[in-house]
């Protein structure tokens, strides 16, 4: 399989899962999590869902989700830009 240097989009990730003859729901059943956990990971941060997808595809988190994970598999948390009561 050819390695991609750019970040994967949700469609590429979903297609890679389906190429292995698994739907997102079937993948959720294998890992005993709600299907929404896997679906959420495609659109927004979902640590457990992202880890399951990474494990299943055998592709590091930082390649699949580079805006969410560092090369050292550390979670990148977005900064909250809302003004808090000062």
N, C-alpha and C. Protein backbone atom coordinates (compact mmCIF):
# COMPACT_ATOMS: atom_id res chain seq x y z
N UNK A 1 0.85 -1.19 0.00
CA UNK A 1 0.00 0.00 0.00
C UNK A 1 0.89 1.24 0.00
N UNK A 2 0.53 2.19 -0.80
CA UNK A 2 1.30 3.42 -0.93
C UNK A 2 1.05 4.32 0.27
N UNK A 3 2.11 4.81 0.87
CA UNK A 3 1.96 5.71 2.02
C UNK A 3 1.68 7.11 1.53
N UNK A 4 0.78 7.79 2.24
CA UNK A 4 0.45 9.15 1.89
C UNK A 4 1.16 10.09 2.84
N UNK A 5 1.69 11.18 2.29
CA UNK A 5 2.37 12.15 3.11
C UNK A 5 1.43 13.24 3.59
N UNK A 6 0.35 13.46 2.87
CA UNK A 6 -0.61 14.47 3.26
C UNK A 6 -1.63 13.87 4.21
N UNK A 7 -2.38 14.73 4.88
CA UNK A 7 -3.40 14.23 5.78
C UNK A 7 -4.51 13.55 4.97
N UNK A 8 -5.10 12.56 5.57
CA UNK A 8 -6.19 11.85 4.94
C UNK A 8 -7.48 12.60 5.22
N UNK A 9 -8.38 12.63 4.25
CA UNK A 9 -9.69 13.20 4.53
C UNK A 9 -10.65 12.07 4.92
N UNK A 10 -11.83 12.45 5.39
CA UNK A 10 -12.78 11.46 5.90
C UNK A 10 -13.14 10.41 4.85
N UNK A 11 -13.19 10.80 3.59
CA UNK A 11 -13.57 9.86 2.52
C UNK A 11 -12.48 8.83 2.27
N UNK A 12 -11.23 9.25 2.34
CA UNK A 12 -10.12 8.32 2.16
C UNK A 12 -10.07 7.31 3.30
N UNK A 13 -10.30 7.77 4.51
CA UNK A 13 -10.28 6.89 5.67
C UNK A 13 -11.42 5.88 5.58
N UNK A 14 -12.61 6.38 5.26
CA UNK A 14 -13.77 5.49 5.15
C UNK A 14 -13.56 4.47 4.03
N UNK A 15 -13.01 4.90 2.90
CA UNK A 15 -12.76 3.98 1.78
C UNK A 15 -11.73 2.91 2.17
N UNK A 16 -10.71 3.29 2.91
CA UNK A 16 -9.70 2.32 3.34
C UNK A 16 -10.31 1.26 4.26
N UNK A 17 -11.21 1.69 5.12
CA UNK A 17 -11.90 0.73 6.00
C UNK A 17 -12.78 -0.19 5.17
N UNK A 18 -13.52 0.37 4.25
CA UNK A 18 -14.43 -0.43 3.42
C UNK A 18 -13.68 -1.36 2.48
N UNK A 19 -12.47 -0.98 2.04
CA UNK A 19 -11.67 -1.86 1.19
C UNK A 19 -11.27 -3.13 1.91
N UNK A 20 -11.24 -3.05 3.22
CA UNK A 20 -10.94 -4.24 4.02
C UNK A 20 -12.22 -4.99 4.38
N UNK A 21 -13.27 -4.73 3.59
CA UNK A 21 -14.56 -5.42 3.72
C UNK A 21 -15.23 -5.16 5.05
N UNK A 22 -15.09 -3.98 5.58
CA UNK A 22 -15.74 -3.63 6.83
C UNK A 22 -16.47 -2.31 6.69
N UNK A 23 -17.69 -2.28 7.17
CA UNK A 23 -18.40 -1.01 7.26
C UNK A 23 -17.98 -0.35 8.57
N UNK A 24 -18.35 0.92 8.74
CA UNK A 24 -18.03 1.59 10.00
C UNK A 24 -18.74 0.91 11.16
N UNK A 25 -19.96 0.45 10.92
CA UNK A 25 -20.73 -0.25 11.96
C UNK A 25 -20.07 -1.57 12.32
N UNK A 26 -19.61 -2.32 11.32
CA UNK A 26 -18.94 -3.59 11.58
C UNK A 26 -17.64 -3.36 12.37
N UNK A 27 -16.92 -2.31 12.04
CA UNK A 27 -15.69 -1.97 12.76
C UNK A 27 -16.01 -1.67 14.22
N UNK A 28 -17.09 -0.94 14.45
CA UNK A 28 -17.51 -0.63 15.82
C UNK A 28 -17.85 -1.90 16.59
N UNK A 29 -18.49 -2.85 15.93
CA UNK A 29 -18.84 -4.12 16.59
C UNK A 29 -17.59 -4.91 16.96
N UNK A 30 -16.60 -4.90 16.09
CA UNK A 30 -15.35 -5.63 16.36
C UNK A 30 -14.71 -5.10 17.64
N UNK A 31 -14.71 -3.79 17.81
CA UNK A 31 -14.07 -3.15 18.96
C UNK A 31 -15.03 -2.88 20.11
N UNK A 32 -16.28 -3.34 19.96
CA UNK A 32 -17.29 -3.23 21.01
C UNK A 32 -17.50 -1.78 21.48
N UNK A 33 -17.70 -0.91 20.51
CA UNK A 33 -18.01 0.50 20.80
C UNK A 33 -19.25 0.88 20.00
N UNK A 34 -19.94 1.93 20.39
CA UNK A 34 -21.09 2.39 19.59
C UNK A 34 -20.62 2.85 18.21
N UNK A 35 -21.40 2.59 17.17
CA UNK A 35 -21.01 3.00 15.81
C UNK A 35 -20.73 4.50 15.69
N UNK A 36 -21.43 5.30 16.48
CA UNK A 36 -21.23 6.75 16.43
C UNK A 36 -19.82 7.15 16.84
N UNK A 37 -19.17 6.34 17.66
CA UNK A 37 -17.79 6.63 18.07
C UNK A 37 -16.87 6.66 16.85
N UNK A 38 -17.05 5.71 15.96
CA UNK A 38 -16.23 5.64 14.74
C UNK A 38 -16.61 6.78 13.80
N UNK A 39 -17.89 6.98 13.60
CA UNK A 39 -18.35 8.05 12.69
C UNK A 39 -17.89 9.42 13.16
N UNK A 40 -17.98 9.67 14.45
CA UNK A 40 -17.55 10.97 14.98
C UNK A 40 -16.08 11.24 14.69
N UNK A 41 -15.25 10.21 14.76
CA UNK A 41 -13.81 10.39 14.56
C UNK A 41 -13.49 10.90 13.15
N UNK A 42 -14.36 10.66 12.20
CA UNK A 42 -14.12 11.12 10.83
C UNK A 42 -14.30 12.63 10.70
N UNK A 43 -15.10 13.22 11.59
CA UNK A 43 -15.42 14.64 11.45
C UNK A 43 -14.89 15.53 12.57
N UNK A 44 -14.75 14.97 13.75
CA UNK A 44 -14.33 15.78 14.89
C UNK A 44 -13.50 14.92 15.84
N UNK A 45 -12.77 15.54 16.73
CA UNK A 45 -11.92 14.77 17.65
C UNK A 45 -12.72 13.75 18.46
N UNK A 46 -12.27 12.52 18.40
CA UNK A 46 -12.84 11.42 19.17
C UNK A 46 -11.69 10.46 19.43
N UNK A 47 -11.05 10.63 20.57
CA UNK A 47 -9.82 9.90 20.86
C UNK A 47 -9.98 8.39 20.66
N UNK A 48 -11.01 7.81 21.24
CA UNK A 48 -11.20 6.36 21.13
C UNK A 48 -11.44 5.95 19.67
N UNK A 49 -12.30 6.69 18.97
CA UNK A 49 -12.58 6.38 17.57
C UNK A 49 -11.36 6.49 16.69
N UNK A 50 -10.57 7.52 16.91
CA UNK A 50 -9.34 7.72 16.12
C UNK A 50 -8.36 6.59 16.37
N UNK A 51 -8.23 6.17 17.62
CA UNK A 51 -7.31 5.09 17.96
C UNK A 51 -7.75 3.76 17.34
N UNK A 52 -9.05 3.51 17.33
CA UNK A 52 -9.57 2.28 16.72
C UNK A 52 -9.29 2.27 15.22
N UNK A 53 -9.57 3.38 14.55
CA UNK A 53 -9.32 3.47 13.11
C UNK A 53 -7.84 3.28 12.80
N UNK A 54 -6.99 3.93 13.57
CA UNK A 54 -5.55 3.81 13.39
C UNK A 54 -5.09 2.37 13.57
N UNK A 55 -5.58 1.73 14.61
CA UNK A 55 -5.22 0.34 14.89
C UNK A 55 -5.69 -0.58 13.77
N UNK A 56 -6.93 -0.41 13.33
CA UNK A 56 -7.49 -1.27 12.29
C UNK A 56 -6.75 -1.13 10.97
N UNK A 57 -6.44 0.11 10.58
CA UNK A 57 -5.75 0.35 9.32
C UNK A 57 -4.24 0.17 9.42
N UNK A 58 -3.74 0.06 10.66
CA UNK A 58 -2.31 -0.07 10.90
C UNK A 58 -1.54 1.12 10.32
N UNK A 59 -2.11 2.30 10.55
CA UNK A 59 -1.51 3.55 10.10
C UNK A 59 -1.42 4.46 11.32
N UNK A 60 -0.28 5.08 11.58
CA UNK A 60 -0.14 5.93 12.77
C UNK A 60 -1.16 7.06 12.82
N UNK A 61 -1.54 7.41 14.04
CA UNK A 61 -2.51 8.48 14.27
C UNK A 61 -2.08 9.79 13.62
N UNK A 62 -0.78 10.12 13.73
CA UNK A 62 -0.34 11.42 13.22
C UNK A 62 -0.40 11.51 11.70
N UNK A 63 -0.51 10.38 11.02
CA UNK A 63 -0.65 10.40 9.56
C UNK A 63 -2.12 10.54 9.18
N UNK A 64 -2.98 9.80 9.86
CA UNK A 64 -4.42 9.89 9.58
C UNK A 64 -5.02 11.22 10.02
N UNK A 65 -4.60 11.68 11.21
CA UNK A 65 -5.19 12.88 11.81
C UNK A 65 -4.07 13.84 12.26
N UNK A 66 -3.34 14.42 11.31
CA UNK A 66 -2.18 15.24 11.68
C UNK A 66 -2.52 16.53 12.44
N UNK A 67 -3.74 17.01 12.32
CA UNK A 67 -4.12 18.20 13.07
C UNK A 67 -4.54 17.87 14.50
N UNK A 68 -4.64 16.57 14.79
CA UNK A 68 -5.10 16.13 16.11
C UNK A 68 -4.03 15.40 16.93
N UNK A 69 -2.96 14.91 16.25
CA UNK A 69 -1.93 14.11 16.92
C UNK A 69 -0.54 14.52 16.46
N UNK A 70 0.44 14.48 17.37
CA UNK A 70 1.83 14.77 17.02
C UNK A 70 2.52 13.48 16.57
N UNK A 71 3.74 13.61 16.07
CA UNK A 71 4.52 12.44 15.65
C UNK A 71 4.81 11.49 16.81
N UNK A 72 4.78 12.01 18.03
CA UNK A 72 5.04 11.20 19.22
C UNK A 72 3.74 10.63 19.81
N UNK A 73 2.67 10.64 19.03
CA UNK A 73 1.36 10.15 19.47
C UNK A 73 0.83 10.88 20.69
N UNK A 74 1.09 12.16 20.75
CA UNK A 74 0.52 13.02 21.80
C UNK A 74 -0.66 13.75 21.20
N UNK A 75 -1.72 13.84 21.96
CA UNK A 75 -2.94 14.49 21.52
C UNK A 75 -2.72 16.00 21.43
N UNK A 76 -3.19 16.61 20.35
CA UNK A 76 -3.15 18.06 20.20
C UNK A 76 -4.53 18.57 20.57
N UNK A 77 -4.59 19.35 21.61
CA UNK A 77 -5.87 19.90 22.05
C UNK A 77 -6.00 21.31 21.50
N UNK A 78 -7.12 21.61 20.83
CA UNK A 78 -7.31 22.96 20.31
C UNK A 78 -7.48 23.95 21.46
N UNK A 79 -6.94 25.11 21.24
CA UNK A 79 -7.09 26.15 22.27
C UNK A 79 -8.47 26.77 22.16
N UNK A 80 -9.05 26.98 23.29
CA UNK A 80 -10.37 27.60 23.33
C UNK A 80 -10.17 29.11 23.24
N UNK A 81 -10.73 29.71 22.20
CA UNK A 81 -10.51 31.13 21.97
C UNK A 81 -11.57 32.01 22.61
N UNK A 82 -12.53 31.41 23.28
CA UNK A 82 -13.55 32.21 23.95
C UNK A 82 -12.93 32.98 25.09
N UNK A 83 -13.40 34.19 25.27
CA UNK A 83 -12.94 34.99 26.40
C UNK A 83 -13.60 34.47 27.67
N UNK A 84 -12.81 34.16 28.62
CA UNK A 84 -13.33 33.72 29.90
C UNK A 84 -13.49 34.94 30.79
N UNK A 85 -14.35 34.81 31.75
CA UNK A 85 -14.55 35.91 32.68
C UNK A 85 -13.23 36.23 33.36
N UNK A 86 -12.79 37.43 33.21
CA UNK A 86 -11.50 37.84 33.82
C UNK A 86 -11.72 38.59 35.07
